[in-house]
Amino acid sequence: MSISNAQANDLFGFLEGAGQQVKEEPADTAELVTLEPKESEMYPKVSPDGKYLLTLTGKSKNYWISRRAIQNGDPLNTVTDDLAALGSVAWLGNDITFLSSRTGTLGLWQKPADGEGLMRRAKELTGKLKDITLLKDGSLIATRLIMHGHDKHMKKQHLDNFNNWSVAGTHGYIVHISADGSEKRLSEGFHPAVSPDGKRIAFSMPIGRSIHLFMMDVDGKNLAELSDVRSIDMQPTWSPNGQWIIFTSNRSHADMRGGKKNQWDIWAVTREGKQLTQLTLDKARDGAPSVAKDGYVYFHSDRKIDKILKAEHQIQGNIGRFHIWKVQLPQ
């Protein structure tokens, strides 16, 4: 089945008839990666070498960051269960970085992803931050949250928190924090994604009721708009070769009144704003893409898991709502 730019197909699932299950043709070519009993997996992050995934994992109201084998999605070890890390974990070579207030003050911490070795504080920080990227020169790109209401963003939330771009009582700005701690506000917005060459930032910014994709240099110059339709375009990430920006969007079925009629899919566009391509076409909520070196895009989704898929993964009984899937980028 070839990927088109196009239109969603609402057929999904399986039919029951004559005492047996018949599997329908899926709406797209996405493949299920992770499935564990009574567990949800969200916000995948592919390692630079393409061998592992980090996932935000939840089970029985407990949440942690898990490292998994990308080949089959099997969990390998728990990286951290620090509450502040749940929205800030990122790869740095074979290590991971994450926010923590474990010493009483906020800091960016670094540790080996396999859990073996020292954990050290890479930088002391202040205020409310998320979406942290540590650059080669020791500076940071992040979202600074300016509070104008109750401080709720550090409270534990249900793992069905698909919308991670709306933090109650806050306003977001993209900031650059230099190695000496000085900070420069680059733009209004959130979800900054630094390009593989470290020169450009893709991010999202509110425009009226819509949220559009933008791109700028790491110093805030040369601002360009990548999307301008009436939709919410979020969670941008780059392909490893820097040619594609992959993102979450409701543009195929947008409900700008905040209702429940949105269809969330994974889309891709070139860094020149061309070849807009819809990668997933299911009526479920697909989001938080991350791209591997082999061109597969990993994302979370609350798609229906039928009995056939459960049997293929040797799972019986209840499962969580969200799981990790993958789909191929356009060639």
Protein backbone atom coordinates (compact mmCIF):
# COMPACT_ATOMS: atom_id res chain seq x y z
CA MET A 1 0.00 0.00 0.00
CA SER A 2 1.49 3.34 -1.00
CA ILE A 3 1.36 6.45 1.17
CA SER A 4 -0.61 9.32 -0.36
CA ASN A 5 -0.99 12.93 0.62
CA ALA A 6 -4.33 12.54 1.39
CA GLN A 7 -7.53 11.52 2.64
CA ALA A 8 -8.29 9.51 5.71
CA ASN A 9 -9.95 6.16 5.45
CA ASP A 10 -12.30 5.53 8.32
CA LEU A 11 -12.28 1.75 7.99
CA PHE A 12 -10.36 0.10 10.82
CA GLY A 13 -10.59 -2.95 13.03
CA PHE A 14 -12.00 -6.37 12.36
CA LEU A 15 -15.34 -7.97 11.59
CA GLU A 16 -16.80 -10.96 13.32
CA GLY A 17 -18.66 -13.50 11.30
CA ALA A 18 -19.33 -17.18 11.02
CA GLY A 19 -17.62 -17.78 14.37
CA GLN A 20 -14.22 -16.41 13.31
CA GLN A 21 -12.45 -13.07 13.21
CA VAL A 22 -11.67 -11.51 9.85
CA LYS A 23 -8.96 -8.87 9.86
CA GLU A 24 -9.79 -5.80 7.76
CA GLU A 25 -7.35 -3.94 5.58
CA PRO A 26 -5.82 -1.23 7.85
CA ALA A 27 -6.21 2.46 7.05
CA ASP A 28 -2.43 2.85 6.64
CA THR A 29 0.77 0.80 6.77
CA ALA A 30 1.58 1.39 10.46
CA GLU A 31 2.96 -1.56 12.43
CA LEU A 32 2.51 -2.19 16.16
CA VAL A 33 5.82 -2.13 18.09
CA THR A 34 5.09 -2.24 21.86
CA LEU A 35 2.41 -4.14 23.76
CA GLU A 36 2.63 -5.16 27.41
CA PRO A 37 -0.09 -6.34 29.84
CA LYS A 38 -1.98 -3.48 31.57
CA GLU A 39 0.60 -0.97 30.30
CA SER A 40 0.59 2.18 28.17
CA GLU A 41 3.61 3.43 26.25
CA MET A 42 3.83 7.01 24.98
CA TYR A 43 6.26 9.66 23.65
CA PRO A 44 8.85 7.42 21.94
CA LYS A 45 12.36 8.76 21.42
CA VAL A 46 14.70 6.87 19.09
CA SER A 47 18.37 6.62 20.10
CA PRO A 48 20.98 8.19 17.78
CA ASP A 49 22.28 4.74 16.79
CA GLY A 50 18.75 3.55 15.98
CA LYS A 51 18.89 0.57 18.36
CA TYR A 52 16.70 1.71 21.24
CA LEU A 53 13.55 3.56 22.20
CA LEU A 54 12.78 5.60 25.27
CA THR A 55 9.10 5.56 26.20
CA LEU A 56 7.00 7.18 28.88
CA THR A 57 5.46 4.06 30.41
CA GLY A 58 2.52 3.81 32.78
CA LYS A 59 0.91 1.00 34.74
CA SER A 60 -1.43 1.14 37.75
CA LYS A 61 -0.90 4.90 38.18
CA ASN A 62 2.88 4.50 38.22
CA TYR A 63 4.98 6.22 35.55
CA TRP A 64 8.59 5.83 34.45
CA ILE A 65 10.94 6.20 31.49
CA SER A 66 11.73 2.83 29.94
CA ARG A 67 14.52 1.87 27.52
CA ARG A 68 13.39 -0.67 24.92
CA ALA A 69 14.85 -2.66 22.05
CA ILE A 70 13.66 -0.97 18.87
CA GLN A 71 13.56 -4.26 16.99
CA ASN A 72 10.68 -5.76 18.99
CA GLY A 73 9.74 -3.14 21.60
CA ASP A 74 10.76 -5.33 24.55
CA PRO A 75 11.58 -3.37 27.74
CA LEU A 76 15.26 -3.52 28.76
CA ASN A 77 15.51 -1.34 31.85
CA THR A 78 13.93 1.54 33.73
CA VAL A 79 15.91 4.73 33.10
CA THR A 80 14.22 6.93 35.73
CA ASP A 81 10.93 7.42 37.52
CA ASP A 82 11.71 11.02 38.46
CA LEU A 83 8.49 12.99 37.99
CA ALA A 84 10.23 15.99 36.41
CA ALA A 85 11.84 13.71 33.81
CA LEU A 86 8.55 12.57 32.31
CA GLY A 87 8.30 15.59 29.98
CA SER A 88 11.98 16.34 29.49
CA VAL A 89 13.94 13.16 28.76
CA ALA A 90 16.22 13.21 25.69
CA TRP A 91 19.10 11.24 24.19
CA LEU A 92 22.69 12.51 24.33
CA GLY A 93 24.81 9.88 22.59
CA ASN A 94 24.49 6.73 24.72
CA ASP A 95 23.35 8.81 27.71
CA ILE A 96 20.04 10.40 28.51
CA THR A 97 19.34 13.85 29.94
CA PHE A 98 16.34 14.86 32.00
CA LEU A 99 15.13 17.51 34.42
CA SER A 100 15.12 16.75 38.12
CA SER A 101 14.71 18.56 41.42
CA ARG A 102 16.25 15.68 43.36
CA THR A 103 18.68 17.98 45.21
CA GLY A 104 16.02 20.56 46.04
CA THR A 105 16.70 22.79 43.05
CA LEU A 106 15.96 22.24 39.37
CA GLY A 107 18.77 20.85 37.26
CA LEU A 108 19.50 19.04 34.03
CA TRP A 109 20.88 15.62 34.87
CA GLN A 110 22.73 13.10 32.72
CA LYS A 111 23.13 9.33 33.12
CA PRO A 112 23.85 6.24 30.98
CA ALA A 113 20.69 4.97 29.31
CA ASP A 114 21.41 1.40 30.39
CA GLY A 115 21.39 2.48 34.04
CA GLU A 116 25.04 1.51 34.61
CA GLY A 117 27.33 4.28 35.84
CA LEU A 118 27.24 7.67 37.50
CA MET A 119 24.39 10.17 37.27
CA ARG A 120 25.61 13.75 37.31
CA ARG A 121 24.11 17.21 37.14
CA ALA A 122 25.00 18.81 33.81
CA LYS A 123 23.52 22.25 34.58
CA GLU A 124 21.72 24.01 37.41
CA LEU A 125 18.49 25.72 36.29
CA THR A 126 15.65 27.85 37.63
CA GLY A 127 11.95 28.34 36.96
CA LYS A 128 9.68 26.16 34.84
CA LEU A 129 11.21 24.49 31.80
CA LYS A 130 10.39 21.64 29.40
CA ASP A 131 11.47 20.32 25.98
CA ILE A 132 15.18 20.56 26.84
CA THR A 133 17.93 20.06 24.24
CA LEU A 134 21.58 20.21 25.34
CA LEU A 135 23.78 21.60 22.54
CA LYS A 136 27.43 20.71 21.88
CA ASP A 137 28.68 24.00 23.32
CA GLY A 138 26.96 23.34 26.67
CA SER A 139 24.07 25.72 26.04
CA LEU A 140 20.40 24.74 26.04
CA ILE A 141 17.35 25.21 23.86
CA ALA A 142 14.14 24.84 25.88
CA THR A 143 10.57 25.96 26.41
CA ARG A 144 10.28 28.44 29.27
CA LEU A 145 6.85 28.30 30.94
CA ILE A 146 5.65 31.64 32.32
CA MET A 147 3.08 31.04 35.04
CA HIS A 148 -0.15 33.04 35.14
CA GLY A 149 -2.31 30.62 37.12
CA HIS A 150 -2.03 27.66 39.47
CA ASP A 151 1.19 25.63 39.26
CA LYS A 152 -0.15 22.28 38.07
CA HIS A 153 2.37 21.22 35.46
CA MET A 154 4.52 19.14 37.83
CA LYS A 155 1.59 17.15 39.18
CA LYS A 156 1.25 13.53 38.16
CA GLN A 157 -1.27 13.18 35.37
CA HIS A 158 -3.06 10.25 33.81
CA LEU A 159 -1.11 8.66 30.99
CA ASP A 160 -3.96 9.47 28.60
CA ASN A 161 -2.51 13.00 28.48
CA PHE A 162 -2.29 13.14 24.70
CA ASN A 163 -2.21 16.93 24.73
CA ASN A 164 1.24 17.79 26.13
CA TRP A 165 1.35 21.25 24.54
CA SER A 166 -1.27 22.87 26.77
CA VAL A 167 -0.06 23.36 30.35
CA ALA A 168 -2.77 24.99 32.46
CA GLY A 169 -1.92 28.46 33.72
CA THR A 170 1.20 28.93 31.57
CA HIS A 171 2.48 30.65 28.44
CA GLY A 172 5.42 29.20 26.51
CA TYR A 173 8.53 30.82 25.01
CA ILE A 174 11.47 29.26 23.17
CA VAL A 175 14.67 30.26 24.98
CA HIS A 176 18.41 29.79 24.56
CA ILE A 177 20.29 29.35 27.85
CA SER A 178 24.02 29.86 27.36
CA ALA A 179 26.71 27.86 29.14
CA ASP A 180 27.20 30.73 31.64
CA GLY A 181 23.48 30.72 32.52
CA SER A 182 22.39 33.85 30.65
CA GLU A 183 19.08 33.47 28.85
CA LYS A 184 17.71 34.88 25.60
CA ARG A 185 14.07 34.65 24.58
CA LEU A 186 13.92 33.59 20.91
CA SER A 187 10.20 33.39 20.18
CA GLU A 188 6.79 32.66 21.59
CA GLY A 189 6.06 28.95 21.20
CA PHE A 190 6.87 25.45 22.42
CA HIS A 191 8.21 22.04 21.37
CA PRO A 192 11.53 23.29 19.94
CA ALA A 193 13.31 20.61 17.88
CA VAL A 194 16.93 21.29 16.94
CA SER A 195 18.03 20.11 13.48
CA PRO A 196 20.68 17.37 13.23
CA ASP A 197 23.33 19.93 12.18
CA GLY A 198 22.47 22.10 15.19
CA LYS A 199 21.71 25.18 13.07
CA ARG A 200 17.90 25.40 12.92
CA ILE A 201 14.95 25.00 15.30
CA ALA A 202 11.52 23.77 14.25
CA PHE A 203 8.78 24.66 16.73
CA SER A 204 5.08 25.40 17.15
CA MET A 205 3.51 28.80 17.83
CA PRO A 206 -0.14 29.83 18.40
CA ILE A 207 -1.72 31.95 15.66
CA GLY A 208 -5.27 32.78 16.73
CA ARG A 209 -7.05 29.47 17.38
CA SER A 210 -4.55 27.63 15.22
CA ILE A 211 -1.05 26.45 16.08
CA HIS A 212 1.39 26.60 13.17
CA LEU A 213 4.85 25.21 12.52
CA PHE A 214 7.77 27.64 12.30
CA MET A 215 11.50 27.38 11.77
CA MET A 216 14.34 29.71 12.81
CA ASP A 217 18.08 29.77 13.37
CA VAL A 218 19.29 28.76 16.84
CA ASP A 219 19.89 32.45 17.58
CA GLY A 220 16.27 33.34 16.68
CA LYS A 221 17.02 34.87 13.27
CA ASN A 222 15.52 33.99 9.86
CA LEU A 223 12.06 33.08 11.16
CA ALA A 224 9.97 31.20 8.57
CA GLU A 225 6.46 29.73 8.71
CA LEU A 226 6.09 26.13 7.51
CA SER A 227 2.31 25.69 7.88
CA ASP A 228 -0.51 28.20 7.63
CA VAL A 229 -3.82 26.32 7.43
CA ARG A 230 -6.56 26.31 10.04
CA SER A 231 -5.22 23.46 12.18
CA ILE A 232 -3.11 22.52 15.19
CA ASP A 233 0.37 21.40 14.08
CA MET A 234 2.46 20.19 17.02
CA GLN A 235 5.39 18.09 18.24
CA PRO A 236 7.79 18.64 15.31
CA THR A 237 10.87 16.46 14.97
CA TRP A 238 13.57 16.12 12.30
CA SER A 239 14.57 13.19 10.14
CA PRO A 240 18.21 12.16 10.76
CA ASN A 241 19.28 13.59 7.38
CA GLY A 242 17.67 16.96 8.20
CA GLN A 243 15.45 16.96 5.10
CA TRP A 244 12.05 16.23 6.68
CA ILE A 245 10.14 17.72 9.59
CA ILE A 246 7.61 15.25 10.97
CA PHE A 247 4.77 16.48 13.18
CA THR A 248 1.39 15.79 14.78
CA SER A 249 -1.65 17.50 13.25
CA ASN A 250 -5.44 17.53 13.24
CA ARG A 251 -5.54 19.11 9.76
CA SER A 252 -7.41 16.20 8.13
CA HIS A 253 -10.38 16.60 10.53
CA ALA A 254 -9.87 19.80 12.53
CA ASP A 255 -12.26 20.87 15.28
CA MET A 256 -10.97 24.28 16.37
CA ARG A 257 -13.71 24.70 18.99
CA GLY A 258 -11.94 22.28 21.33
CA GLY A 259 -14.37 19.44 20.70
CA LYS A 260 -13.72 15.73 20.31
CA LYS A 261 -14.07 15.52 16.53
CA ASN A 262 -10.37 16.00 15.82
CA GLN A 263 -8.49 13.27 14.01
CA TRP A 264 -4.82 13.37 14.98
CA ASP A 265 -2.34 12.04 12.43
CA ILE A 266 1.38 12.08 11.69
CA TRP A 267 2.43 14.34 8.80
CA ALA A 268 5.72 15.23 7.14
CA VAL A 269 6.96 18.26 5.23
CA THR A 270 10.38 19.11 3.81
CA ARG A 271 12.46 21.81 5.47
CA GLU A 272 11.61 24.00 2.45
CA GLY A 273 7.89 23.67 3.27
CA LYS A 274 7.21 21.36 0.29
CA GLN A 275 5.86 17.82 -0.27
CA LEU A 276 3.37 17.89 2.59
CA THR A 277 2.55 14.23 3.17
CA GLN A 278 0.11 12.49 5.48
CA LEU A 279 1.82 9.42 6.96
CA THR A 280 -0.97 7.97 9.12
CA LEU A 281 -4.66 7.84 8.26
CA ASP A 282 -6.35 6.18 11.21
CA LYS A 283 -9.22 7.84 13.09
CA ALA A 284 -7.40 7.27 16.40
CA ARG A 285 -5.05 9.76 18.08
CA ASP A 286 -1.56 9.44 16.59
CA GLY A 287 1.15 11.70 18.01
CA ALA A 288 4.70 12.42 19.25
CA PRO A 289 6.74 11.20 16.23
CA SER A 290 10.42 10.23 16.45
CA VAL A 291 12.45 9.13 13.42
CA ALA A 292 15.05 6.34 13.17
CA LYS A 293 18.01 6.20 10.78
CA ASP A 294 16.26 3.57 8.66
CA GLY A 295 13.43 5.98 7.87
CA TYR A 296 10.81 4.58 10.21
CA VAL A 297 8.72 7.07 12.18
CA TYR A 298 7.78 5.86 15.67
CA PHE A 299 4.71 7.38 17.33
CA HIS A 300 2.15 6.65 20.03
CA SER A 301 -1.47 5.90 19.25
CA ASP A 302 -4.66 4.76 20.96
CA ARG A 303 -5.64 2.67 17.94
CA LYS A 304 -7.79 -0.35 18.54
CA ILE A 305 -5.82 -3.48 19.44
CA ASP A 306 -7.83 -6.47 18.24
CA LYS A 307 -7.50 -10.04 19.45
CA ILE A 308 -5.39 -11.00 16.47
CA LEU A 309 -2.74 -8.38 17.31
CA LYS A 310 -2.82 -9.38 20.99
CA ALA A 311 -2.27 -13.00 20.02
CA GLU A 312 0.65 -12.06 17.76
CA HIS A 313 2.29 -10.33 20.76
CA GLN A 314 1.35 -13.19 23.12
CA ILE A 315 -0.75 -10.90 25.30
CA GLN A 316 -3.86 -11.95 27.20
CA GLY A 317 -6.15 -9.78 29.30
CA ASN A 318 -6.21 -6.01 29.66
CA ILE A 319 -3.81 -3.59 28.01
CA GLY A 320 -3.30 0.15 28.30
CA ARG A 321 -4.75 2.70 25.91
CA PHE A 322 -1.63 4.00 24.12
CA HIS A 323 1.11 1.98 22.43
CA ILE A 324 4.02 2.61 20.07
CA TRP A 325 3.60 2.09 16.32
CA LYS A 326 5.85 2.77 13.33
CA VAL A 327 5.35 3.87 9.72
CA GLN A 328 7.81 4.52 6.90
CA LEU A 329 8.83 8.02 5.78
CA PRO A 330 8.44 8.85 2.07
CA GLN A 331 11.52 7.96 0.03
